């Protein structure tokens, strides 16, 4: 099990319950891959982006720290790439 940190930029125009649902979905995706979440929080609300991403000029940042097997990372990337509410994400090995 390796430790990872992931930063997500998500659409800022989501409703409050949609934001909570998205964060729970991200946690659920990690848990389905036998990952253990250490920290999951909103890092910043409605920050201006330097350039538009998918026609969005503002984004909300989520920070998730978790431990998981290395082979689960490629599966998580596939799942998160098809989510329309996620503008960008970056997974770093700690």
PDB file of N, CA and C in Angstrom:
ATOM      1  N   UNK A   1       0.846  -1.180   0.000  1.00  0.00           N
ATOM      2  CA  UNK A   1       0.000   0.000   0.000  1.00  0.00           C
ATOM      3  C   UNK A   1       0.894   1.247   0.000  1.00  0.00           C
ATOM      4  N   UNK A   2       0.631   2.104  -0.965  1.00  0.00           N
ATOM      5  CA  UNK A   2       1.337   3.373  -1.059  1.00  0.00           C
ATOM      6  C   UNK A   2       0.417   4.506  -0.627  1.00  0.00           C
ATOM      7  N   UNK A   3       1.000   5.603  -0.194  1.00  0.00           N
ATOM      8  CA  UNK A   3       0.229   6.791   0.177  1.00  0.00           C
ATOM      9  C   UNK A   3       0.163   7.742  -1.009  1.00  0.00           C
ATOM     10  N   UNK A   4      -1.026   8.278  -1.257  1.00  0.00           N
ATOM     11  CA  UNK A   4      -1.254   9.175  -2.380  1.00  0.00           C
ATOM     12  C   UNK A   4      -1.991  10.425  -1.912  1.00  0.00           C
ATOM     13  N   UNK A   5      -1.818  11.481  -2.686  1.00  0.00           N
ATOM     14  CA  UNK A   5      -2.551  12.727  -2.461  1.00  0.00           C
ATOM     15  C   UNK A   5      -3.120  13.150  -3.816  1.00  0.00           C
ATOM     16  N   UNK A   6      -4.402  13.462  -3.836  1.00  0.00           N
ATOM     17  CA  UNK A   6      -5.060  13.853  -5.075  1.00  0.00           C
ATOM     18  C   UNK A   6      -5.741  15.196  -4.891  1.00  0.00           C
ATOM     19  N   UNK A   7      -5.518  16.078  -5.847  1.00  0.00           N
ATOM     20  CA  UNK A   7      -6.187  17.373  -5.877  1.00  0.00           C
ATOM     21  C   UNK A   7      -7.137  17.360  -7.077  1.00  0.00           C
ATOM     22  N   UNK A   8      -8.382  17.693  -6.811  1.00  0.00           N
ATOM     23  CA  UNK A   8      -9.402  17.768  -7.846  1.00  0.00           C
ATOM     24  C   UNK A   8      -9.809  19.213  -8.058  1.00  0.00           C
ATOM     25  N   UNK A   9     -10.014  19.595  -9.298  1.00  0.00           N
ATOM     26  CA  UNK A   9     -10.679  20.853  -9.624  1.00  0.00           C
ATOM     27  C   UNK A   9     -12.025  20.455 -10.204  1.00  0.00           C
ATOM     28  N   UNK A  10     -13.091  20.874  -9.538  1.00  0.00           N
ATOM     29  CA  UNK A  10     -14.441  20.517  -9.978  1.00  0.00           C
ATOM     30  C   UNK A  10     -15.213  21.793 -10.326  1.00  0.00           C
ATOM     31  N   UNK A  11     -16.301  21.611 -11.023  1.00  0.00           N
ATOM     32  CA  UNK A  11     -17.132  22.747 -11.419  1.00  0.00           C
ATOM     33  C   UNK A  11     -17.632  23.474 -10.181  1.00  0.00           C
ATOM     34  N   UNK A  12     -17.550  24.774 -10.188  1.00  0.00           N
ATOM     35  CA  UNK A  12     -17.954  25.554  -9.019  1.00  0.00           C
ATOM     36  C   UNK A  12     -19.437  25.910  -9.039  1.00  0.00           C
ATOM     37  N   UNK A  13     -20.105  25.699 -10.159  1.00  0.00           N
ATOM     38  CA  UNK A  13     -21.516  26.071 -10.255  1.00  0.00           C
ATOM     39  C   UNK A  13     -22.463  24.948  -9.837  1.00  0.00           C
ATOM     40  N   UNK A  14     -21.949  23.916  -9.185  1.00  0.00           N
ATOM     41  CA  UNK A  14     -22.794  22.826  -8.712  1.00  0.00           C
ATOM     42  C   UNK A  14     -23.580  23.273  -7.477  1.00  0.00           C
ATOM     43  N   UNK A  15     -24.754  22.694  -7.311  1.00  0.00           N
ATOM     44  CA  UNK A  15     -25.549  22.966  -6.114  1.00  0.00           C
ATOM     45  C   UNK A  15     -24.855  22.348  -4.899  1.00  0.00           C
ATOM     46  N   UNK A  16     -25.215  22.810  -3.720  1.00  0.00           N
ATOM     47  CA  UNK A  16     -24.574  22.360  -2.492  1.00  0.00           C
ATOM     48  C   UNK A  16     -24.672  20.844  -2.309  1.00  0.00           C
ATOM     49  N   UNK A  17     -25.856  20.285  -2.558  1.00  0.00           N
ATOM     50  CA  UNK A  17     -26.014  18.833  -2.393  1.00  0.00           C
ATOM     51  C   UNK A  17     -25.257  18.060  -3.465  1.00  0.00           C
ATOM     52  N   UNK A  18     -25.092  18.657  -4.651  1.00  0.00           N
ATOM     53  CA  UNK A  18     -24.301  18.007  -5.700  1.00  0.00           C
ATOM     54  C   UNK A  18     -22.819  17.990  -5.344  1.00  0.00           C
ATOM     55  N   UNK A  19     -22.347  19.050  -4.690  1.00  0.00           N
ATOM     56  CA  UNK A  19     -20.951  19.093  -4.252  1.00  0.00           C
ATOM     57  C   UNK A  19     -20.686  18.013  -3.209  1.00  0.00           C
ATOM     58  N   UNK A  20     -21.599  17.879  -2.242  1.00  0.00           N
ATOM     59  CA  UNK A  20     -21.453  16.848  -1.219  1.00  0.00           C
ATOM     60  C   UNK A  20     -21.516  15.457  -1.839  1.00  0.00           C
ATOM     61  N   UNK A  21     -22.421  15.288  -2.789  1.00  0.00           N
ATOM     62  CA  UNK A  21     -22.575  13.998  -3.458  1.00  0.00           C
ATOM     63  C   UNK A  21     -21.311  13.639  -4.233  1.00  0.00           C
ATOM     64  N   UNK A  22     -20.705  14.615  -4.887  1.00  0.00           N
ATOM     65  CA  UNK A  22     -19.483  14.374  -5.644  1.00  0.00           C
ATOM     66  C   UNK A  22     -18.337  13.964  -4.726  1.00  0.00           C
ATOM     67  N   UNK A  23     -18.184  14.628  -3.595  1.00  0.00           N
ATOM     68  CA  UNK A  23     -17.124  14.280  -2.653  1.00  0.00           C
ATOM     69  C   UNK A  23     -17.337  12.863  -2.118  1.00  0.00           C
ATOM     70  N   UNK A  24     -18.574  12.514  -1.807  1.00  0.00           N
ATOM     71  CA  UNK A  24     -18.886  11.151  -1.348  1.00  0.00           C
ATOM     72  C   UNK A  24     -18.597  10.137  -2.451  1.00  0.00           C
ATOM     73  N   UNK A  25     -18.872  10.513  -3.711  1.00  0.00           N
ATOM     74  CA  UNK A  25     -18.604   9.622  -4.840  1.00  0.00           C
ATOM     75  C   UNK A  25     -17.106   9.369  -4.996  1.00  0.00           C
ATOM     76  N   UNK A  26     -16.300  10.413  -4.832  1.00  0.00           N
ATOM     77  CA  UNK A  26     -14.855  10.254  -4.919  1.00  0.00           C
ATOM     78  C   UNK A  26     -14.339   9.326  -3.824  1.00  0.00           C
ATOM     79  N   UNK A  27     -14.862   9.497  -2.619  1.00  0.00           N
ATOM     80  CA  UNK A  27     -14.478   8.627  -1.507  1.00  0.00           C
ATOM     81  C   UNK A  27     -14.911   7.194  -1.774  1.00  0.00           C
ATOM     82  N   UNK A  28     -16.101   7.026  -2.338  1.00  0.00           N
ATOM     83  CA  UNK A  28     -16.616   5.701  -2.655  1.00  0.00           C
ATOM     84  C   UNK A  28     -15.765   5.018  -3.723  1.00  0.00           C
ATOM     85  N   UNK A  29     -15.317   5.771  -4.720  1.00  0.00           N
ATOM     86  CA  UNK A  29     -14.461   5.208  -5.768  1.00  0.00           C
ATOM     87  C   UNK A  29     -13.170   4.652  -5.182  1.00  0.00           C
ATOM     88  N   UNK A  30     -12.592   5.377  -4.237  1.00  0.00           N
ATOM     89  CA  UNK A  30     -11.359   4.927  -3.599  1.00  0.00           C
ATOM     90  C   UNK A  30     -11.624   3.684  -2.753  1.00  0.00           C
ATOM     91  N   UNK A  31     -12.727   3.685  -2.025  1.00  0.00           N
ATOM     92  CA  UNK A  31     -13.063   2.545  -1.171  1.00  0.00           C
ATOM     93  C   UNK A  31     -13.334   1.284  -2.002  1.00  0.00           C
ATOM     94  N   UNK A  32     -13.928   1.442  -3.174  1.00  0.00           N
ATOM     95  CA  UNK A  32     -14.194   0.286  -4.045  1.00  0.00           C
ATOM     96  C   UNK A  32     -12.910  -0.360  -4.542  1.00  0.00           C
ATOM     97  N   UNK A  33     -11.834   0.405  -4.588  1.00  0.00           N
ATOM     98  CA  UNK A  33     -10.530  -0.117  -5.008  1.00  0.00           C
ATOM     99  C   UNK A  33      -9.681  -0.531  -3.793  1.00  0.00           C
ATOM    100  N   UNK A  34     -10.325  -0.789  -2.661  1.00  0.00           N
ATOM    101  CA  UNK A  34      -9.687  -1.202  -1.412  1.00  0.00           C
ATOM    102  C   UNK A  34      -8.693  -0.161  -0.902  1.00  0.00           C
ATOM    103  N   UNK A  35      -9.006   1.107  -1.132  1.00  0.00           N
ATOM    104  CA  UNK A  35      -8.182   2.188  -0.612  1.00  0.00           C
ATOM    105  C   UNK A  35      -8.703   2.662   0.727  1.00  0.00           C
ATOM    106  N   UNK A  36      -7.830   3.275   1.505  1.00  0.00           N
ATOM    107  CA  UNK A  36      -8.203   3.799   2.824  1.00  0.00           C
ATOM    108  C   UNK A  36      -7.979   5.307   2.811  1.00  0.00           C
ATOM    109  N   UNK A  37      -9.027   6.060   3.064  1.00  0.00           N
ATOM    110  CA  UNK A  37      -8.964   7.521   3.027  1.00  0.00           C
ATOM    111  C   UNK A  37      -8.469   8.042   4.373  1.00  0.00           C
ATOM    112  N   UNK A  38      -7.481   8.919   4.316  1.00  0.00           N
ATOM    113  CA  UNK A  38      -6.941   9.541   5.524  1.00  0.00           C
ATOM    114  C   UNK A  38      -7.510  10.934   5.718  1.00  0.00           C
ATOM    115  N   UNK A  39      -7.526  11.744   4.646  1.00  0.00           N
ATOM    116  CA  UNK A  39      -8.047  13.111   4.694  1.00  0.00           C
ATOM    117  C   UNK A  39      -8.878  13.339   3.445  1.00  0.00           C
ATOM    118  N   UNK A  40     -10.049  13.938   3.647  1.00  0.00           N
ATOM    119  CA  UNK A  40     -10.908  14.292   2.521  1.00  0.00           C
ATOM    120  C   UNK A  40     -11.594  15.602   2.880  1.00  0.00           C
ATOM    121  N   UNK A  41     -11.269  16.664   2.119  1.00  0.00           N
ATOM    122  CA  UNK A  41     -11.828  17.964   2.489  1.00  0.00           C
ATOM    123  C   UNK A  41     -11.878  18.893   1.283  1.00  0.00           C
ATOM    124  N   UNK A  42     -12.644  19.955   1.454  1.00  0.00           N
ATOM    125  CA  UNK A  42     -12.682  21.026   0.466  1.00  0.00           C
ATOM    126  C   UNK A  42     -11.473  21.908   0.745  1.00  0.00           C
ATOM    127  N   UNK A  43     -10.623  22.077  -0.234  1.00  0.00           N
ATOM    128  CA  UNK A  43      -9.416  22.862  -0.052  1.00  0.00           C
ATOM    129  C   UNK A  43      -9.675  24.339  -0.323  1.00  0.00           C
ATOM    130  N   UNK A  44     -10.504  24.635  -1.351  1.00  0.00           N
ATOM    131  CA  UNK A  44     -10.828  26.028  -1.670  1.00  0.00           C
ATOM    132  C   UNK A  44     -12.152  26.068  -2.424  1.00  0.00           C
ATOM    133  N   UNK A  45     -12.946  27.060  -2.111  1.00  0.00           N
ATOM    134  CA  UNK A  45     -14.233  27.253  -2.794  1.00  0.00           C
ATOM    135  C   UNK A  45     -14.109  28.375  -3.806  1.00  0.00           C
ATOM    136  N   UNK A  46     -14.612  28.187  -4.976  1.00  0.00           N
ATOM    137  CA  UNK A  46     -14.712  29.195  -6.040  1.00  0.00           C
ATOM    138  C   UNK A  46     -13.449  30.016  -6.225  1.00  0.00           C
ATOM    139  N   UNK A  47     -12.451  29.393  -6.801  1.00  0.00           N
ATOM    140  CA  UNK A  47     -11.213  30.088  -7.132  1.00  0.00           C
ATOM    141  C   UNK A  47     -11.187  30.348  -8.628  1.00  0.00           C
ATOM    142  N   UNK A  48     -10.690  31.477  -9.018  1.00  0.00           N
ATOM    143  CA  UNK A  48     -10.551  31.796 -10.433  1.00  0.00           C
ATOM    144  C   UNK A  48      -9.415  30.972 -11.026  1.00  0.00           C
ATOM    145  N   UNK A  49      -9.645  30.451 -12.208  1.00  0.00           N
ATOM    146  CA  UNK A  49      -8.634  29.670 -12.904  1.00  0.00           C
ATOM    147  C   UNK A  49      -7.817  30.594 -13.815  1.00  0.00           C
ATOM    148  N   UNK A  50      -6.575  30.264 -14.042  1.00  0.00           N
ATOM    149  CA  UNK A  50      -5.717  31.080 -14.916  1.00  0.00           C
ATOM    150  C   UNK A  50      -6.189  31.034 -16.361  1.00  0.00           C
ATOM    151  N   UNK A  51      -6.760  29.905 -16.743  1.00  0.00           N
ATOM    152  CA  UNK A  51      -7.310  29.753 -18.088  1.00  0.00           C
ATOM    153  C   UNK A  51      -8.553  28.882 -17.995  1.00  0.00           C
ATOM    154  N   UNK A  52      -9.425  28.992 -18.956  1.00  0.00           N
ATOM    155  CA  UNK A  52     -10.676  28.242 -18.923  1.00  0.00           C
ATOM    156  C   UNK A  52     -10.411  26.759 -19.169  1.00  0.00           C
ATOM    157  N   UNK A  53     -11.113  25.956 -18.404  1.00  0.00           N
ATOM    158  CA  UNK A  53     -11.086  24.509 -18.567  1.00  0.00           C
ATOM    159  C   UNK A  53     -12.521  24.076 -18.852  1.00  0.00           C
ATOM    160  N   UNK A  54     -12.751  23.515 -20.009  1.00  0.00           N
ATOM    161  CA  UNK A  54     -14.106  23.103 -20.419  1.00  0.00           C
ATOM    162  C   UNK A  54     -15.109  24.249 -20.276  1.00  0.00           C
ATOM    163  N   UNK A  55     -14.703  25.429 -20.703  1.00  0.00           N
ATOM    164  CA  UNK A  55     -15.520  26.640 -20.679  1.00  0.00           C
ATOM    165  C   UNK A  55     -15.846  27.140 -19.269  1.00  0.00           C
ATOM    166  N   UNK A  56     -15.124  26.680 -18.264  1.00  0.00           N
ATOM    167  CA  UNK A  56     -15.319  27.125 -16.882  1.00  0.00           C
ATOM    168  C   UNK A  56     -14.151  28.029 -16.491  1.00  0.00           C
ATOM    169  N   UNK A  57     -14.462  29.185 -15.928  1.00  0.00           N
ATOM    170  CA  UNK A  57     -13.405  30.109 -15.508  1.00  0.00           C
ATOM    171  C   UNK A  57     -13.170  30.070 -13.997  1.00  0.00           C
ATOM    172  N   UNK A  58     -14.018  29.340 -13.267  1.00  0.00           N
ATOM    173  CA  UNK A  58     -13.853  29.172 -11.821  1.00  0.00           C
ATOM    174  C   UNK A  58     -13.927  27.695 -11.482  1.00  0.00           C
ATOM    175  N   UNK A  59     -13.256  27.322 -10.399  1.00  0.00           N
ATOM    176  CA  UNK A  59     -13.279  25.942  -9.962  1.00  0.00           C
ATOM    177  C   UNK A  59     -13.238  25.834  -8.457  1.00  0.00           C
ATOM    178  N   UNK A  60     -13.642  24.680  -7.982  1.00  0.00           N
ATOM    179  CA  UNK A  60     -13.610  24.370  -6.560  1.00  0.00           C
ATOM    180  C   UNK A  60     -12.598  23.242  -6.379  1.00  0.00           C
ATOM    181  N   UNK A  61     -11.788  23.332  -5.345  1.00  0.00           N
ATOM    182  CA  UNK A  61     -10.702  22.380  -5.143  1.00  0.00           C
ATOM    183  C   UNK A  61     -11.025  21.415  -4.011  1.00  0.00           C
ATOM    184  N   UNK A  62     -10.849  20.110  -4.278  1.00  0.00           N
ATOM    185  CA  UNK A  62     -10.972  19.060  -3.274  1.00  0.00           C
ATOM    186  C   UNK A  62      -9.606  18.432  -3.082  1.00  0.00           C
ATOM    187  N   UNK A  63      -9.268  18.126  -1.831  1.00  0.00           N
ATOM    188  CA  UNK A  63      -8.028  17.445  -1.503  1.00  0.00           C
ATOM    189  C   UNK A  63      -8.370  16.124  -0.833  1.00  0.00           C
ATOM    190  N   UNK A  64      -7.803  15.029  -1.361  1.00  0.00           N
ATOM    191  CA  UNK A  64      -8.036  13.704  -0.794  1.00  0.00           C
ATOM    192  C   UNK A  64      -6.686  13.023  -0.628  1.00  0.00           C
ATOM    193  N   UNK A  65      -6.396  12.584   0.591  1.00  0.00           N
ATOM    194  CA  UNK A  65      -5.193  11.809   0.875  1.00  0.00           C
ATOM    195  C   UNK A  65      -5.635  10.401   1.226  1.00  0.00           C
ATOM    196  N   UNK A  66      -5.012   9.412   0.583  1.00  0.00           N
ATOM    197  CA  UNK A  66      -5.436   8.031   0.800  1.00  0.00           C
ATOM    198  C   UNK A  66      -4.270   7.082   0.585  1.00  0.00           C
ATOM    199  N   UNK A  67      -4.452   5.852   1.042  1.00  0.00           N
ATOM    200  CA  UNK A  67      -3.476   4.799   0.773  1.00  0.00           C
ATOM    201  C   UNK A  67      -4.179   3.723  -0.037  1.00  0.00           C
ATOM    202  N   UNK A  68      -3.430   3.174  -1.000  1.00  0.00           N
ATOM    203  CA  UNK A  68      -4.016   2.207  -1.905  1.00  0.00           C
ATOM    204  C   UNK A  68      -2.917   1.391  -2.561  1.00  0.00           C
ATOM    205  N   UNK A  69      -3.323   0.297  -3.182  1.00  0.00           N
ATOM    206  CA  UNK A  69      -2.389  -0.507  -3.962  1.00  0.00           C
ATOM    207  C   UNK A  69      -2.051   0.247  -5.250  1.00  0.00           C
ATOM    208  N   UNK A  70      -0.835   0.111  -5.751  1.00  0.00           N
ATOM    209  CA  UNK A  70      -0.447   0.862  -6.958  1.00  0.00           C
ATOM    210  C   UNK A  70      -1.293   0.557  -8.190  1.00  0.00           C
ATOM    211  N   UNK A  71      -1.791  -0.664  -8.336  1.00  0.00           N
ATOM    212  CA  UNK A  71      -2.577  -1.005  -9.522  1.00  0.00           C
ATOM    213  C   UNK A  71      -3.968  -0.372  -9.512  1.00  0.00           C
ATOM    214  N   UNK A  72      -4.429   0.116  -8.372  1.00  0.00           N
ATOM    215  CA  UNK A  72      -5.748   0.753  -8.285  1.00  0.00           C
ATOM    216  C   UNK A  72      -5.739   2.156  -8.882  1.00  0.00           C
ATOM    217  N   UNK A  73      -4.581   2.763  -8.990  1.00  0.00           N
ATOM    218  CA  UNK A  73      -4.489   4.145  -9.474  1.00  0.00           C
ATOM    219  C   UNK A  73      -4.955   4.253 -10.923  1.00  0.00           C
ATOM    220  N   UNK A  74      -4.574   3.318 -11.758  1.00  0.00           N
ATOM    221  CA  UNK A  74      -5.006   3.379 -13.161  1.00  0.00           C
ATOM    222  C   UNK A  74      -6.520   3.218 -13.282  1.00  0.00           C
ATOM    223  N   UNK A  75      -7.115   2.415 -12.427  1.00  0.00           N
ATOM    224  CA  UNK A  75      -8.572   2.240 -12.443  1.00  0.00           C
ATOM    225  C   UNK A  75      -9.274   3.515 -11.977  1.00  0.00           C
ATOM    226  N   UNK A  76      -8.717   4.162 -10.957  1.00  0.00           N
ATOM    227  CA  UNK A  76      -9.297   5.414 -10.469  1.00  0.00           C
ATOM    228  C   UNK A  76      -9.205   6.500 -11.537  1.00  0.00           C
ATOM    229  N   UNK A  77      -8.103   6.558 -12.261  1.00  0.00           N
ATOM    230  CA  UNK A  77      -7.954   7.549 -13.328  1.00  0.00           C
ATOM    231  C   UNK A  77      -9.019   7.355 -14.400  1.00  0.00           C
ATOM    232  N   UNK A  78      -9.290   6.110 -14.756  1.00  0.00           N
ATOM    233  CA  UNK A  78     -10.321   5.823 -15.761  1.00  0.00           C
ATOM    234  C   UNK A  78     -11.695   6.294 -15.293  1.00  0.00           C
ATOM    235  N   UNK A  79     -11.999   6.030 -14.041  1.00  0.00           N
ATOM    236  CA  UNK A  79     -13.308   6.413 -13.483  1.00  0.00           C
ATOM    237  C   UNK A  79     -13.446   7.928 -13.449  1.00  0.00           C
ATOM    238  N   UNK A  80     -12.417   8.612 -12.991  1.00  0.00           N
ATOM    239  CA  UNK A  80     -12.490  10.069 -12.827  1.00  0.00           C
ATOM    240  C   UNK A  80     -12.412  10.816 -14.144  1.00  0.00           C
ATOM    241  N   UNK A  81     -11.784  10.241 -15.160  1.00  0.00           N
ATOM    242  CA  UNK A  81     -11.714  10.902 -16.464  1.00  0.00           C
ATOM    243  C   UNK A  81     -13.077  11.024 -17.135  1.00  0.00           C
ATOM    244  N   UNK A  82     -14.006  10.135 -16.826  1.00  0.00           N
ATOM    245  CA  UNK A  82     -15.314  10.188 -17.486  1.00  0.00           C
ATOM    246  C   UNK A  82     -16.353  10.981 -16.693  1.00  0.00           C
ATOM    247  N   UNK A  83     -15.974  11.484 -15.519  1.00  0.00           N
ATOM    248  CA  UNK A  83     -16.891  12.280 -14.704  1.00  0.00           C
ATOM    249  C   UNK A  83     -16.905  13.720 -15.229  1.00  0.00           C
ATOM    250  N   UNK A  84     -18.071  14.183 -15.663  1.00  0.00           N
ATOM    251  CA  UNK A  84     -18.190  15.517 -16.252  1.00  0.00           C
ATOM    252  C   UNK A  84     -18.001  16.647 -15.245  1.00  0.00           C
ATOM    253  N   UNK A  85     -18.213  16.389 -13.970  1.00  0.00           N
ATOM    254  CA  UNK A  85     -18.082  17.437 -12.955  1.00  0.00           C
ATOM    255  C   UNK A  85     -16.635  17.686 -12.546  1.00  0.00           C
ATOM    256  N   UNK A  86     -15.740  16.778 -12.876  1.00  0.00           N
ATOM    257  CA  UNK A  86     -14.322  16.936 -12.556  1.00  0.00           C
ATOM    258  C   UNK A  86     -13.643  17.585 -13.753  1.00  0.00           C
ATOM    259  N   UNK A  87     -13.102  18.785 -13.539  1.00  0.00           N
ATOM    260  CA  UNK A  87     -12.399  19.479 -14.614  1.00  0.00           C
ATOM    261  C   UNK A  87     -10.979  18.948 -14.780  1.00  0.00           C
ATOM    262  N   UNK A  88     -10.258  18.793 -13.684  1.00  0.00           N
ATOM    263  CA  UNK A  88      -8.888  18.273 -13.686  1.00  0.00           C
ATOM    264  C   UNK A  88      -8.640  17.565 -12.348  1.00  0.00           C
ATOM    265  N   UNK A  89      -7.684  16.646 -12.372  1.00  0.00           N
ATOM    266  CA  UNK A  89      -7.199  16.036 -11.127  1.00  0.00           C
ATOM    267  C   UNK A  89      -5.751  15.644 -11.301  1.00  0.00           C
ATOM    268  N   UNK A  90      -5.050  15.561 -10.180  1.00  0.00           N
ATOM    269  CA  UNK A  90      -3.649  15.169 -10.181  1.00  0.00           C
ATOM    270  C   UNK A  90      -3.424  14.252  -8.999  1.00  0.00           C
ATOM    271  N   UNK A  91      -2.870  13.076  -9.271  1.00  0.00           N
ATOM    272  CA  UNK A  91      -2.575  12.109  -8.235  1.00  0.00           C
ATOM    273  C   UNK A  91      -1.070  12.079  -8.025  1.00  0.00           C
ATOM    274  N   UNK A  92      -0.633  12.310  -6.796  1.00  0.00           N
ATOM    275  CA  UNK A  92       0.788  12.287  -6.448  1.00  0.00           C
ATOM    276  C   UNK A  92       1.052  11.212  -5.416  1.00  0.00           C
ATOM    277  N   UNK A  93       2.156  10.524  -5.584  1.00  0.00           N
ATOM    278  CA  UNK A  93       2.594   9.533  -4.584  1.00  0.00           C
ATOM    279  C   UNK A  93       3.382  10.274  -3.526  1.00  0.00           C
ATOM    280  N   UNK A  94       3.004  10.081  -2.263  1.00  0.00           N
ATOM    281  CA  UNK A  94       3.684  10.770  -1.162  1.00  0.00           C
ATOM    282  C   UNK A  94       4.956  10.046  -0.765  1.00  0.00           C
TER     283      UNK A  94
END
